[in-house]
Structures are given as structure tokens and as C-alpha cells.
Amino acid sequence: MKSTVLILTDKTDITAGRVAAELAIRGVPLVRLDPAEFPTRLSMSAEITTGAPWTGALNSRADSSPVVDLASISAVYYRRPTQFRLPDGMNRAEQTFAYGEARRGFGGVLGALDSARWVNDRVAAAQAEYKPLQLATATRVGLTVPDTLITSEPDHAYQWAKQQDGPIIYKPLSGIWHADGGTVRVIYTNAVQDLDSLLDPSLGHTAHLLQRQVPKDHEARAIVVGQKVFTVAIDASTSRGRNDWRSDYDHLAYRVITLPQTIADKLVALHHELGLVFGAVDLIHRPDGEWVFLETNQTGEWDWLAGETGIPVAAALADELTVKAPA
């Protein structure tokens, strides 16, 4: 009988720990592991025949004991897995080949567990990382989005910015964390102070996202879990925090709010269109009362908000992970 929830994330993930604790309280069997443990600490064997699904198990390399039987997995919480760690002594060509085989073999077998409920589906989650897709889907379901330009053309960027009624901001398309040699750098949302800087030829080296800055009364993070939406207003008391609240956590205040039902319904519709069960949505509440969608993060954080406000996200995720998947 399928009854085990498989949690795929790294060992330091406190957020996944909240969900694991909620499942444990309910007596739900669960296995938590990081795919990075394959193939050095985890091994696998899986078989398929005509008319049957994949069967087999993930096992410990240390003593060959079973870690999880594939046939027992009823749901997968795909949170924050890290990259495979391959055995030492392989050259670069061997590593490249082995990594690709691990992704398509180990990852492929898990992804083919069609009867398991995924939160979130890996393919849908990967597609939803693209902000242009998010913005297009948001407008399609009726959400308001900032006027946005994505360009690699300096002159176009300059002319577009001059035509906007208000300040311009820049934000990275691929998230705020970026590796630079041995250093991890953080790129927050930044105001474009001098429009002439957009004429810099180096802007042509890649794509850039520019938006007309949205006036804000406050910001909010809305956690969408299935049909449920939990929303926390985020009030920043510093100019740095008002520009990007992620840059100044020490000067933020939180309060639980209820979104207008029409906005909540559109957020649920957005995630349905994107194929997501879960998403952490960033919103701006304008002084005139309008809500503006910025983005959703399919693995977005909510643990600290639950700690600050008590919003029952872990319980909602546990509900989703114990719902019987459609046949």
C-alpha cells in the first residue's frame, strides 16, 4: 500500500523540517533525503515490465539496507535538493557523463512515479523559474503586473525608460544569489539612478529586466498551497528595506492580512496554470489600494513567516501531501 511521503531536500532545510514534523505528528510514514547522496551514499535498482510501473528501492551504500521502497511512495515534497556528489578520482569527462546518467537514471525513475503526488512537479517547477512566463501567465489570469522590459539593446532600454511615468528599477532574472569565483554575491532590486547608464554598451552582453517602479503602501508575501492562500503584510522601516525587503530583515514588521477574494482566486488560478501546488508570491499593495503581482517562487521560503505569525503552511502542505493522487 502506498503511504510514504518522500521529502527531497538538503539536510539544513529547516522549512522542510516543519512539514516533516507535521507529517510525523499525523503518523504519516516519511523518508527525507537529498539526491546529492546518490551515488556515494545511496544506491538504487529499479525495474519495469509491460503493463506495470517502476518497482525497486533506494538503498544505503553503507550496509545495503533499504531506505525507501519505490512502490510505497504516495507523495513527493520536492523542496531544495542539491546536486549529485560523484565519487572522487573521476576526470571531468567522466564526471560530466556520470552526472548526466545520474540525472536521467536516478532522477528519471523518481520523476516517473506517476501515481505519486508531487509538490511541486519538477518539470512545472523548472518552467516556472522563468519570470517572463510568470508575468505572461499572471496577466492572462487577470493580475496586474509592473510595466516591464527585457532587453539586451542599450538604446531600446534608454528610450523605454524615458517614456515611463516614474522611476525605473533593475532586478535579476535568475534570483538574487550569484556565484563569482569563490564568492557568493547577492543582487537585490536596484533603482536606476541615471538613465544614461542604460546606454552602456555592456548592457548588450546579456538580457536585463527593467520595470517601472510601483508605488507601494506595503509589500506582502502570499503563500499559495492548493486552494489556500496565506498572506502576510511586510512593512519595512528603512529606505533599503522599502526598496527590497530581503536586504534588511532586521527592520521588518509582519501582520497577517486577508487578500481580496478576487486576488486570492487569481493567485490560485496562476499556480494552476503553471502546474504548481505551492508558490510563495511577492506582491505590492499600492497607496490607491491596487495589488500588483511581482513574482512567485516555487520553492520560496515561509518558515520565518510561520514563526512570526503562526500561519499554518506546514499543515496545509501536509494536507496536500496526504491527498490521494488521481488515478
C-alpha atoms as a PDB file:
ATOM      1  CA  MET A   1       0.000   0.000   0.000  1.00  0.00           C
ATOM      2  CA  LYS A   2       1.341   3.427  -0.958  1.00  0.00           C
ATOM      3  CA  SER A   3       1.686   5.544   2.172  1.00  0.00           C
ATOM      4  CA  THR A   4       5.183   7.037   2.377  1.00  0.00           C
ATOM      5  CA  VAL A   5       5.907  10.715   1.775  1.00  0.00           C
ATOM      6  CA  LEU A   6       9.369  11.258   0.273  1.00  0.00           C
ATOM      7  CA  ILE A   7      10.933  14.632   1.087  1.00  0.00           C
ATOM      8  CA  LEU A   8      13.720  15.663  -1.280  1.00  0.00           C
ATOM      9  CA  THR A   9      15.806  18.488   0.141  1.00  0.00           C
ATOM     10  CA  ASP A  10      19.177  19.274   1.677  1.00  0.00           C
ATOM     11  CA  LYS A  11      19.996  18.386   5.283  1.00  0.00           C
ATOM     12  CA  THR A  12      19.942  22.008   6.509  1.00  0.00           C
ATOM     13  CA  ASP A  13      16.433  22.793   5.255  1.00  0.00           C
ATOM     14  CA  ILE A  14      14.512  23.980   8.336  1.00  0.00           C
ATOM     15  CA  THR A  15      11.415  24.751   6.270  1.00  0.00           C
ATOM     16  CA  ALA A  16      11.071  21.136   5.131  1.00  0.00           C
ATOM     17  CA  GLY A  17      11.583  20.145   8.751  1.00  0.00           C
ATOM     18  CA  ARG A  18       8.326  21.882   9.694  1.00  0.00           C
ATOM     19  CA  VAL A  19       6.442  19.798   7.147  1.00  0.00           C
ATOM     20  CA  ALA A  20       8.202  16.605   8.246  1.00  0.00           C
ATOM     21  CA  ALA A  21       7.223  17.335  11.863  1.00  0.00           C
ATOM     22  CA  GLU A  22       3.602  17.900  10.877  1.00  0.00           C
ATOM     23  CA  LEU A  23       3.518  14.617   8.952  1.00  0.00           C
ATOM     24  CA  ALA A  24       5.144  12.783  11.864  1.00  0.00           C
ATOM     25  CA  ILE A  25       2.522  14.117  14.283  1.00  0.00           C
ATOM     26  CA  ARG A  26      -0.133  12.705  11.961  1.00  0.00           C
ATOM     27  CA  GLY A  27       1.584   9.348  11.912  1.00  0.00           C
ATOM     28  CA  VAL A  28       2.395   9.542   8.193  1.00  0.00           C
ATOM     29  CA  PRO A  29       5.436   7.433   7.193  1.00  0.00           C
ATOM     30  CA  LEU A  30       8.110   9.642   5.637  1.00  0.00           C
ATOM     31  CA  VAL A  31      11.630   9.468   4.303  1.00  0.00           C
ATOM     32  CA  ARG A  32      13.768  12.559   3.983  1.00  0.00           C
ATOM     33  CA  LEU A  33      16.853  12.505   1.803  1.00  0.00           C
ATOM     34  CA  ASP A  34      18.942  14.631  -0.515  1.00  0.00           C
ATOM     35  CA  PRO A  35      19.522  13.254  -4.042  1.00  0.00           C
ATOM     36  CA  ALA A  36      23.097  14.529  -3.610  1.00  0.00           C
ATOM     37  CA  GLU A  37      23.685  11.349  -1.600  1.00  0.00           C
ATOM     38  CA  PHE A  38      23.478   9.358  -4.851  1.00  0.00           C
ATOM     39  CA  PRO A  39      25.670   7.572  -5.841  1.00  0.00           C
ATOM     40  CA  THR A  40      28.172   7.880  -2.982  1.00  0.00           C
ATOM     41  CA  ARG A  41      25.821   7.098  -0.059  1.00  0.00           C
ATOM     42  CA  LEU A  42      22.684   5.910  -1.827  1.00  0.00           C
ATOM     43  CA  SER A  43      22.301   3.184  -4.429  1.00  0.00           C
ATOM     44  CA  MET A  44      19.257   2.263  -6.458  1.00  0.00           C
ATOM     45  CA  SER A  45      17.796  -0.535  -8.535  1.00  0.00           C
ATOM     46  CA  ALA A  46      14.511  -0.192 -10.408  1.00  0.00           C
ATOM     47  CA  GLU A  47      12.711  -2.441 -12.891  1.00  0.00           C
ATOM     48  CA  ILE A  48       9.811  -2.028 -15.273  1.00  0.00           C
ATOM     49  CA  THR A  49       7.860  -4.509 -17.396  1.00  0.00           C
ATOM     50  CA  THR A  50       4.969  -4.170 -19.811  1.00  0.00           C
ATOM     51  CA  GLY A  51       1.760  -3.139 -18.071  1.00  0.00           C
ATOM     52  CA  ALA A  52       3.424  -2.305 -14.756  1.00  0.00           C
ATOM     53  CA  PRO A  53       5.039   0.752 -13.156  1.00  0.00           C
ATOM     54  CA  TRP A  54       8.617   1.079 -11.949  1.00  0.00           C
ATOM     55  CA  THR A  55       9.425  -1.046  -8.907  1.00  0.00           C
ATOM     56  CA  GLY A  56      12.554  -1.202  -6.806  1.00  0.00           C
ATOM     57  CA  ALA A  57      14.210   0.623  -3.949  1.00  0.00           C
ATOM     58  CA  LEU A  58      16.737   3.187  -2.838  1.00  0.00           C
ATOM     59  CA  ASN A  59      19.294   1.559  -0.567  1.00  0.00           C
ATOM     60  CA  SER A  60      22.112   2.594   1.731  1.00  0.00           C
ATOM     61  CA  ARG A  61      25.564   2.069   0.262  1.00  0.00           C
ATOM     62  CA  ALA A  62      26.947   1.513   3.750  1.00  0.00           C
ATOM     63  CA  ASP A  63      25.047  -1.690   4.572  1.00  0.00           C
ATOM     64  CA  SER A  64      22.704  -2.262   1.585  1.00  0.00           C
ATOM     65  CA  SER A  65      19.693  -1.681   3.862  1.00  0.00           C
ATOM     66  CA  PRO A  66      16.565  -0.301   2.165  1.00  0.00           C
ATOM     67  CA  VAL A  67      15.947   3.432   2.550  1.00  0.00           C
ATOM     68  CA  VAL A  68      12.629   3.551   0.685  1.00  0.00           C
ATOM     69  CA  ASP A  69      10.639   1.139  -1.464  1.00  0.00           C
ATOM     70  CA  LEU A  70       9.567   2.928  -4.644  1.00  0.00           C
ATOM     71  CA  ALA A  71       6.181   1.205  -4.594  1.00  0.00           C
ATOM     72  CA  SER A  72       5.433   2.694  -1.162  1.00  0.00           C
ATOM     73  CA  ILE A  73       5.823   6.343  -2.218  1.00  0.00           C
ATOM     74  CA  SER A  74       2.476   8.135  -2.270  1.00  0.00           C
ATOM     75  CA  ALA A  75       3.745  11.722  -2.459  1.00  0.00           C
ATOM     76  CA  VAL A  76       6.969  13.659  -3.019  1.00  0.00           C
ATOM     77  CA  TYR A  77       7.758  17.015  -1.409  1.00  0.00           C
ATOM     78  CA  TYR A  78      10.328  18.403  -3.844  1.00  0.00           C
ATOM     79  CA  ARG A  79      11.837  21.238  -1.858  1.00  0.00           C
ATOM     80  CA  ARG A  80      15.512  22.052  -2.191  1.00  0.00           C
ATOM     81  CA  PRO A  81      17.602  19.072  -3.399  1.00  0.00           C
ATOM     82  CA  THR A  82      21.256  19.702  -4.166  1.00  0.00           C
ATOM     83  CA  GLN A  83      23.491  18.363  -6.925  1.00  0.00           C
ATOM     84  CA  PHE A  84      24.773  14.818  -7.107  1.00  0.00           C
ATOM     85  CA  ARG A  85      28.133  14.308  -5.416  1.00  0.00           C
ATOM     86  CA  LEU A  86      30.161  11.943  -7.557  1.00  0.00           C
ATOM     87  CA  PRO A  87      32.996   9.676  -6.364  1.00  0.00           C
ATOM     88  CA  ASP A  88      36.489  11.145  -6.137  1.00  0.00           C
ATOM     89  CA  GLY A  89      39.069  10.370  -8.777  1.00  0.00           C
ATOM     90  CA  MET A  90      36.915  10.920 -11.874  1.00  0.00           C
ATOM     91  CA  ASN A  91      38.197  13.229 -14.600  1.00  0.00           C
ATOM     92  CA  ARG A  92      35.986  15.995 -15.977  1.00  0.00           C
ATOM     93  CA  ALA A  93      34.701  13.969 -18.920  1.00  0.00           C
ATOM     94  CA  GLU A  94      33.819  11.073 -16.629  1.00  0.00           C
ATOM     95  CA  GLN A  95      32.090  13.427 -14.192  1.00  0.00           C
ATOM     96  CA  THR A  96      30.036  15.036 -16.959  1.00  0.00           C
ATOM     97  CA  PHE A  97      28.898  11.665 -18.273  1.00  0.00           C
ATOM     98  CA  ALA A  98      28.203  10.222 -14.804  1.00  0.00           C
ATOM     99  CA  TYR A  99      26.248  13.298 -13.727  1.00  0.00           C
ATOM    100  CA  GLY A 100      24.056  13.136 -16.811  1.00  0.00           C
ATOM    101  CA  GLU A 101      23.405   9.429 -16.280  1.00  0.00           C
ATOM    102  CA  ALA A 102      22.546  10.024 -12.614  1.00  0.00           C
ATOM    103  CA  ARG A 103      20.120  12.813 -13.505  1.00  0.00           C
ATOM    104  CA  ARG A 104      18.383  10.762 -16.182  1.00  0.00           C
ATOM    105  CA  GLY A 105      18.536   7.468 -14.277  1.00  0.00           C
ATOM    106  CA  PHE A 106      18.067   8.225 -10.578  1.00  0.00           C
ATOM    107  CA  GLY A 107      16.119  11.421 -11.234  1.00  0.00           C
ATOM    108  CA  GLY A 108      14.245   9.880 -14.135  1.00  0.00           C
ATOM    109  CA  VAL A 109      12.963   6.922 -12.128  1.00  0.00           C
ATOM    110  CA  LEU A 110      11.732   9.162  -9.313  1.00  0.00           C
ATOM    111  CA  GLY A 111      10.124  11.507 -11.830  1.00  0.00           C
ATOM    112  CA  ALA A 112       8.324   8.560 -13.422  1.00  0.00           C
ATOM    113  CA  LEU A 113       6.432   7.719 -10.226  1.00  0.00           C
ATOM    114  CA  ASP A 114       3.240   8.887 -11.913  1.00  0.00           C
ATOM    115  CA  SER A 115       0.890   7.724  -9.176  1.00  0.00           C
ATOM    116  CA  ALA A 116       2.693   9.838  -6.558  1.00  0.00           C
ATOM    117  CA  ARG A 117       1.532  13.381  -5.845  1.00  0.00           C
ATOM    118  CA  TRP A 118       4.342  15.896  -6.382  1.00  0.00           C
ATOM    119  CA  VAL A 119       4.603  19.210  -4.541  1.00  0.00           C
ATOM    120  CA  ASN A 120       5.796  20.619  -6.843  1.00  0.00           C
ATOM    121  CA  ASP A 121       6.108  18.710 -10.111  1.00  0.00           C
ATOM    122  CA  ARG A 122       9.765  19.009 -11.153  1.00  0.00           C
ATOM    123  CA  VAL A 123       9.108  19.941 -14.779  1.00  0.00           C
ATOM    124  CA  ALA A 124       6.463  22.523 -13.886  1.00  0.00           C
ATOM    125  CA  ALA A 125       8.731  23.961 -11.203  1.00  0.00           C
ATOM    126  CA  ALA A 126      11.625  24.264 -13.648  1.00  0.00           C
ATOM    127  CA  GLN A 127       9.433  26.040 -16.202  1.00  0.00           C
ATOM    128  CA  ALA A 128       8.051  28.387 -13.557  1.00  0.00           C
ATOM    129  CA  GLU A 129      11.552  29.664 -12.801  1.00  0.00           C
ATOM    130  CA  TYR A 130      11.261  31.811 -15.934  1.00  0.00           C
ATOM    131  CA  LYS A 131       9.939  35.241 -14.948  1.00  0.00           C
ATOM    132  CA  PRO A 132       8.693  36.061 -18.461  1.00  0.00           C
ATOM    133  CA  LEU A 133       6.417  33.001 -18.262  1.00  0.00           C
ATOM    134  CA  GLN A 134       5.208  34.024 -14.813  1.00  0.00           C
ATOM    135  CA  LEU A 135       4.372  37.557 -15.918  1.00  0.00           C
ATOM    136  CA  ALA A 136       2.587  36.390 -19.069  1.00  0.00           C
ATOM    137  CA  THR A 137       0.550  33.868 -17.073  1.00  0.00           C
ATOM    138  CA  ALA A 138      -0.245  36.458 -14.401  1.00  0.00           C
ATOM    139  CA  THR A 139      -1.659  38.869 -16.960  1.00  0.00           C
ATOM    140  CA  ARG A 140      -3.643  36.044 -18.551  1.00  0.00           C
ATOM    141  CA  VAL A 141      -5.427  35.256 -15.263  1.00  0.00           C
ATOM    142  CA  GLY A 142      -6.158  38.937 -14.687  1.00  0.00           C
ATOM    143  CA  LEU A 143      -3.448  40.013 -12.235  1.00  0.00           C
ATOM    144  CA  THR A 144      -1.821  43.442 -12.506  1.00  0.00           C
ATOM    145  CA  VAL A 145       1.925  43.389 -13.216  1.00  0.00           C
ATOM    146  CA  PRO A 146       4.519  46.179 -13.454  1.00  0.00           C
ATOM    147  CA  ASP A 147       5.298  47.580 -16.887  1.00  0.00           C
ATOM    148  CA  THR A 148       8.331  45.501 -17.812  1.00  0.00           C
ATOM    149  CA  LEU A 149      11.065  45.432 -20.440  1.00  0.00           C
ATOM    150  CA  ILE A 150      13.509  42.584 -21.054  1.00  0.00           C
ATOM    151  CA  THR A 151      16.222  43.638 -23.454  1.00  0.00           C
ATOM    152  CA  SER A 152      19.853  43.396 -24.471  1.00  0.00           C
ATOM    153  CA  GLU A 153      19.687  46.630 -26.516  1.00  0.00           C
ATOM    154  CA  PRO A 154      21.033  49.719 -24.714  1.00  0.00           C
ATOM    155  CA  ASP A 155      19.238  52.246 -26.912  1.00  0.00           C
ATOM    156  CA  HIS A 156      15.912  50.449 -26.552  1.00  0.00           C
ATOM    157  CA  ALA A 157      16.367  50.315 -22.776  1.00  0.00           C
ATOM    158  CA  TYR A 158      17.111  54.036 -22.655  1.00  0.00           C
ATOM    159  CA  GLN A 159      14.188  55.044 -24.868  1.00  0.00           C
ATOM    160  CA  TRP A 160      11.756  52.799 -22.986  1.00  0.00           C
ATOM    161  CA  ALA A 161      12.879  54.140 -19.608  1.00  0.00           C
ATOM    162  CA  LYS A 162      12.465  57.752 -20.765  1.00  0.00           C
ATOM    163  CA  GLN A 163       8.861  57.036 -21.758  1.00  0.00           C
ATOM    164  CA  GLN A 164       7.888  55.624 -18.369  1.00  0.00           C
ATOM    165  CA  ASP A 165       5.952  57.720 -15.883  1.00  0.00           C
ATOM    166  CA  GLY A 166       8.134  57.245 -12.843  1.00  0.00           C
ATOM    167  CA  PRO A 167      11.406  55.722 -11.622  1.00  0.00           C
ATOM    168  CA  ILE A 168      12.902  52.557 -13.147  1.00  0.00           C
ATOM    169  CA  ILE A 169      14.254  49.540 -11.298  1.00  0.00           C
ATOM    170  CA  TYR A 170      16.516  46.681 -12.330  1.00  0.00           C
ATOM    171  CA  LYS A 171      16.158  43.142 -10.975  1.00  0.00           C
ATOM    172  CA  PRO A 172      17.989  39.926 -11.916  1.00  0.00           C
ATOM    173  CA  LEU A 173      16.101  37.335 -13.944  1.00  0.00           C
ATOM    174  CA  SER A 174      17.687  34.368 -12.187  1.00  0.00           C
ATOM    175  CA  GLY A 175      17.307  35.182  -8.494  1.00  0.00           C
ATOM    176  CA  ILE A 176      19.398  37.198  -6.069  1.00  0.00           C
ATOM    177  CA  TRP A 177      22.215  34.696  -5.340  1.00  0.00           C
ATOM    178  CA  HIS A 178      25.102  34.576  -7.819  1.00  0.00           C
ATOM    179  CA  ALA A 179      28.483  32.850  -7.710  1.00  0.00           C
ATOM    180  CA  ASP A 180      31.523  34.979  -8.501  1.00  0.00           C
ATOM    181  CA  GLY A 181      34.612  32.795  -8.359  1.00  0.00           C
ATOM    182  CA  GLY A 182      34.779  31.586  -4.769  1.00  0.00           C
ATOM    183  CA  THR A 183      32.361  34.264  -3.533  1.00  0.00           C
ATOM    184  CA  VAL A 184      28.582  34.268  -3.433  1.00  0.00           C
ATOM    185  CA  ARG A 185      27.196  37.711  -4.254  1.00  0.00           C
ATOM    186  CA  VAL A 186      23.681  39.000  -3.640  1.00  0.00           C
ATOM    187  CA  ILE A 187      21.990  41.191  -6.246  1.00  0.00           C
ATOM    188  CA  TYR A 188      18.903  42.915  -4.876  1.00  0.00           C
ATOM    189  CA  THR A 189      16.378  45.036  -6.718  1.00  0.00           C
ATOM    190  CA  ASN A 190      18.053  48.360  -7.527  1.00  0.00           C
ATOM    191  CA  ALA A 191      16.763  51.716  -8.688  1.00  0.00           C
ATOM    192  CA  VAL A 192      18.245  53.007 -11.941  1.00  0.00           C
ATOM    193  CA  GLN A 193      19.553  56.359 -10.702  1.00  0.00           C
ATOM    194  CA  ASP A 194      20.876  57.618 -14.040  1.00  0.00           C
ATOM    195  CA  LEU A 195      19.025  56.691 -17.226  1.00  0.00           C
ATOM    196  CA  ASP A 196      22.154  57.463 -19.254  1.00  0.00           C
ATOM    197  CA  SER A 197      23.737  54.397 -17.622  1.00  0.00           C
ATOM    198  CA  LEU A 198      21.370  52.272 -19.719  1.00  0.00           C
ATOM    199  CA  LEU A 199      23.346  53.342 -22.796  1.00  0.00           C
ATOM    200  CA  ASP A 200      26.414  51.484 -21.522  1.00  0.00           C
ATOM    201  CA  PRO A 201      27.397  49.040 -24.327  1.00  0.00           C
ATOM    202  CA  SER A 202      27.966  46.309 -21.719  1.00  0.00           C
ATOM    203  CA  LEU A 203      24.188  46.071 -21.332  1.00  0.00           C
ATOM    204  CA  GLY A 204      24.332  44.253 -24.662  1.00  0.00           C
ATOM    205  CA  HIS A 205      26.243  41.352 -23.117  1.00  0.00           C
ATOM    206  CA  THR A 206      23.086  39.616 -21.856  1.00  0.00           C
ATOM    207  CA  ALA A 207      19.375  40.057 -21.162  1.00  0.00           C
ATOM    208  CA  HIS A 208      18.257  42.534 -18.490  1.00  0.00           C
ATOM    209  CA  LEU A 209      14.891  43.019 -16.781  1.00  0.00           C
ATOM    210  CA  LEU A 210      13.740  46.592 -16.191  1.00  0.00           C
ATOM    211  CA  GLN A 211      10.449  47.643 -14.618  1.00  0.00           C
ATOM    212  CA  ARG A 212       8.627  50.821 -13.865  1.00  0.00           C
ATOM    213  CA  GLN A 213       8.802  51.166 -10.099  1.00  0.00           C
ATOM    214  CA  VAL A 214       5.453  50.535  -8.449  1.00  0.00           C
ATOM    215  CA  PRO A 215       4.427  52.975  -5.690  1.00  0.00           C
ATOM    216  CA  LYS A 216       3.915  50.975  -2.525  1.00  0.00           C
ATOM    217  CA  ASP A 217       1.969  51.283   0.670  1.00  0.00           C
ATOM    218  CA  HIS A 218       3.465  47.979   1.756  1.00  0.00           C
ATOM    219  CA  GLU A 219       4.517  44.623   0.355  1.00  0.00           C
ATOM    220  CA  ALA A 220       3.229  41.150   1.109  1.00  0.00           C
ATOM    221  CA  ARG A 221       4.143  37.521   0.674  1.00  0.00           C
ATOM    222  CA  ALA A 222       1.224  35.260  -0.177  1.00  0.00           C
ATOM    223  CA  ILE A 223       1.799  31.529   0.311  1.00  0.00           C
ATOM    224  CA  VAL A 224      -0.352  29.512  -2.074  1.00  0.00           C
ATOM    225  CA  VAL A 225      -0.946  25.870  -1.158  1.00  0.00           C
ATOM    226  CA  GLY A 226      -3.515  24.240  -3.406  1.00  0.00           C
ATOM    227  CA  GLN A 227      -6.707  26.264  -2.965  1.00  0.00           C
ATOM    228  CA  LYS A 228      -5.472  28.021   0.193  1.00  0.00           C
ATOM    229  CA  VAL A 229      -3.738  31.402   0.345  1.00  0.00           C
ATOM    230  CA  PHE A 230      -1.945  32.650   3.485  1.00  0.00           C
ATOM    231  CA  THR A 231      -0.850  36.277   3.255  1.00  0.00           C
ATOM    232  CA  VAL A 232       1.499  38.292   5.454  1.00  0.00           C
ATOM    233  CA  ALA A 233       1.983  42.033   5.007  1.00  0.00           C
ATOM    234  CA  ILE A 234       5.620  43.099   5.227  1.00  0.00           C
ATOM    235  CA  ASP A 235       6.264  46.624   6.483  1.00  0.00           C
ATOM    236  CA  ALA A 236       9.799  47.990   6.075  1.00  0.00           C
ATOM    237  CA  SER A 237      11.017  50.866   8.229  1.00  0.00           C
ATOM    238  CA  THR A 238      14.179  51.712   6.260  1.00  0.00           C
ATOM    239  CA  SER A 239      14.716  53.014   2.745  1.00  0.00           C
ATOM    240  CA  ARG A 240      16.843  49.972   1.938  1.00  0.00           C
ATOM    241  CA  GLY A 241      14.072  47.641   3.093  1.00  0.00           C
ATOM    242  CA  ARG A 242      11.419  49.564   1.192  1.00  0.00           C
ATOM    243  CA  ASN A 243      13.459  49.167  -1.976  1.00  0.00           C
ATOM    244  CA  ASP A 244      13.840  45.379  -1.412  1.00  0.00           C
ATOM    245  CA  TRP A 245      12.706  43.950   1.927  1.00  0.00           C
ATOM    246  CA  ARG A 246      15.049  40.961   1.544  1.00  0.00           C
ATOM    247  CA  SER A 247      18.001  43.312   2.052  1.00  0.00           C
ATOM    248  CA  ASP A 248      17.042  44.387   5.610  1.00  0.00           C
ATOM    249  CA  TYR A 249      15.264  41.665   7.609  1.00  0.00           C
ATOM    250  CA  ASP A 250      16.185  43.365  10.902  1.00  0.00           C
ATOM    251  CA  HIS A 251      13.815  46.262  10.224  1.00  0.00           C
ATOM    252  CA  LEU A 252      10.681  44.483   9.047  1.00  0.00           C
ATOM    253  CA  ALA A 253       7.310  44.089  10.743  1.00  0.00           C
ATOM    254  CA  TYR A 254       4.757  41.405   9.875  1.00  0.00           C
ATOM    255  CA  ARG A 255       0.978  41.097  10.132  1.00  0.00           C
ATOM    256  CA  VAL A 256      -1.443  38.531   8.787  1.00  0.00           C
ATOM    257  CA  ILE A 257      -3.890  40.001   6.279  1.00  0.00           C
ATOM    258  CA  THR A 258      -6.690  38.715   4.074  1.00  0.00           C
ATOM    259  CA  LEU A 259      -6.393  39.429   0.359  1.00  0.00           C
ATOM    260  CA  PRO A 260      -9.496  40.430  -1.581  1.00  0.00           C
ATOM    261  CA  GLN A 261     -11.120  37.191  -2.715  1.00  0.00           C
ATOM    262  CA  THR A 262     -10.713  38.137  -6.371  1.00  0.00           C
ATOM    263  CA  ILE A 263      -6.945  38.489  -5.921  1.00  0.00           C
ATOM    264  CA  ALA A 264      -6.668  35.249  -3.947  1.00  0.00           C
ATOM    265  CA  ASP A 265      -8.659  33.414  -6.620  1.00  0.00           C
ATOM    266  CA  LYS A 266      -6.371  34.778  -9.339  1.00  0.00           C
ATOM    267  CA  LEU A 267      -3.275  33.627  -7.432  1.00  0.00           C
ATOM    268  CA  VAL A 268      -4.723  30.124  -7.164  1.00  0.00           C
ATOM    269  CA  ALA A 269      -5.543  30.244 -10.893  1.00  0.00           C
ATOM    270  CA  LEU A 270      -1.989  31.417 -11.677  1.00  0.00           C
ATOM    271  CA  HIS A 271      -0.455  28.431  -9.912  1.00  0.00           C
ATOM    272  CA  HIS A 272      -2.928  26.064 -11.518  1.00  0.00           C
ATOM    273  CA  GLU A 273      -1.915  27.424 -14.932  1.00  0.00           C
ATOM    274  CA  LEU A 274       1.767  26.993 -14.027  1.00  0.00           C
ATOM    275  CA  GLY A 275       1.144  23.428 -12.818  1.00  0.00           C
ATOM    276  CA  LEU A 276       2.195  24.283  -9.254  1.00  0.00           C
ATOM    277  CA  VAL A 277       0.632  23.171  -5.973  1.00  0.00           C
ATOM    278  CA  PHE A 278       2.811  25.558  -3.942  1.00  0.00           C
ATOM    279  CA  GLY A 279       4.211  29.012  -4.541  1.00  0.00           C
ATOM    280  CA  ALA A 280       5.464  31.957  -2.473  1.00  0.00           C
ATOM    281  CA  VAL A 281       4.165  35.104  -4.153  1.00  0.00           C
ATOM    282  CA  ASP A 282       5.589  38.597  -3.746  1.00  0.00           C
ATOM    283  CA  LEU A 283       3.035  41.399  -4.059  1.00  0.00           C
ATOM    284  CA  ILE A 284       2.927  45.171  -3.753  1.00  0.00           C
ATOM    285  CA  HIS A 285      -0.059  46.992  -2.286  1.00  0.00           C
ATOM    286  CA  ARG A 286      -0.242  50.405  -3.909  1.00  0.00           C
ATOM    287  CA  PRO A 287      -1.406  53.523  -1.990  1.00  0.00           C
ATOM    288  CA  ASP A 288      -4.524  53.535  -4.204  1.00  0.00           C
ATOM    289  CA  GLY A 289      -5.409  50.036  -2.983  1.00  0.00           C
ATOM    290  CA  GLU A 290      -4.434  48.059  -6.087  1.00  0.00           C
ATOM    291  CA  TRP A 291      -2.487  44.810  -5.708  1.00  0.00           C
ATOM    292  CA  VAL A 292       0.443  44.234  -8.103  1.00  0.00           C
ATOM    293  CA  PHE A 293       1.990  40.822  -8.752  1.00  0.00           C
ATOM    294  CA  LEU A 294       5.802  40.704  -8.827  1.00  0.00           C
ATOM    295  CA  GLU A 295       6.716  37.002  -8.937  1.00  0.00           C
ATOM    296  CA  THR A 296       6.166  33.574  -7.445  1.00  0.00           C
ATOM    297  CA  ASN A 297       8.860  31.260  -6.164  1.00  0.00           C
ATOM    298  CA  GLN A 298       8.067  27.565  -6.424  1.00  0.00           C
ATOM    299  CA  THR A 299      10.473  26.774  -3.562  1.00  0.00           C
ATOM    300  CA  GLY A 300      10.019  30.069  -1.750  1.00  0.00           C
ATOM    301  CA  GLU A 301      10.640  30.435   1.974  1.00  0.00           C
ATOM    302  CA  TRP A 302       7.840  30.744   4.525  1.00  0.00           C
ATOM    303  CA  ASP A 303       9.333  29.263   7.693  1.00  0.00           C
ATOM    304  CA  TRP A 304      10.233  32.622   9.228  1.00  0.00           C
ATOM    305  CA  LEU A 305       6.769  33.976   8.475  1.00  0.00           C
ATOM    306  CA  ALA A 306       5.177  30.976  10.181  1.00  0.00           C
ATOM    307  CA  GLY A 307       7.407  31.650  13.163  1.00  0.00           C
ATOM    308  CA  GLU A 308       6.465  35.339  13.228  1.00  0.00           C
ATOM    309  CA  THR A 309       2.731  34.982  12.611  1.00  0.00           C
ATOM    310  CA  GLY A 310       1.656  31.369  13.084  1.00  0.00           C
ATOM    311  CA  ILE A 311       0.280  30.904   9.564  1.00  0.00           C
ATOM    312  CA  PRO A 312      -0.427  27.131   9.182  1.00  0.00           C
ATOM    313  CA  VAL A 313       1.515  26.494   5.979  1.00  0.00           C
ATOM    314  CA  ALA A 314       3.049  23.234   7.221  1.00  0.00           C
ATOM    315  CA  ALA A 315      -0.405  21.843   7.956  1.00  0.00           C
ATOM    316  CA  ALA A 316      -1.675  22.873   4.521  1.00  0.00           C
ATOM    317  CA  LEU A 317       1.306  21.226   2.820  1.00  0.00           C
ATOM    318  CA  ALA A 318       0.809  18.079   4.881  1.00  0.00           C
ATOM    319  CA  ASP A 319      -2.817  18.061   3.727  1.00  0.00           C
ATOM    320  CA  GLU A 320      -1.690  18.247   0.097  1.00  0.00           C
ATOM    321  CA  LEU A 321       0.904  15.516   0.560  1.00  0.00           C
ATOM    322  CA  THR A 322      -1.641  13.134   2.032  1.00  0.00           C
ATOM    323  CA  VAL A 323      -4.335  13.698  -0.574  1.00  0.00           C
ATOM    324  CA  LYS A 324      -4.782  10.610  -2.744  1.00  0.00           C
ATOM    325  CA  ALA A 325      -3.270  11.295  -6.179  1.00  0.00           C
ATOM    326  CA  PRO A 326      -5.639  10.929  -9.140  1.00  0.00           C
ATOM    327  CA  ALA A 327      -5.530   7.547 -10.850  1.00  0.00           C
END
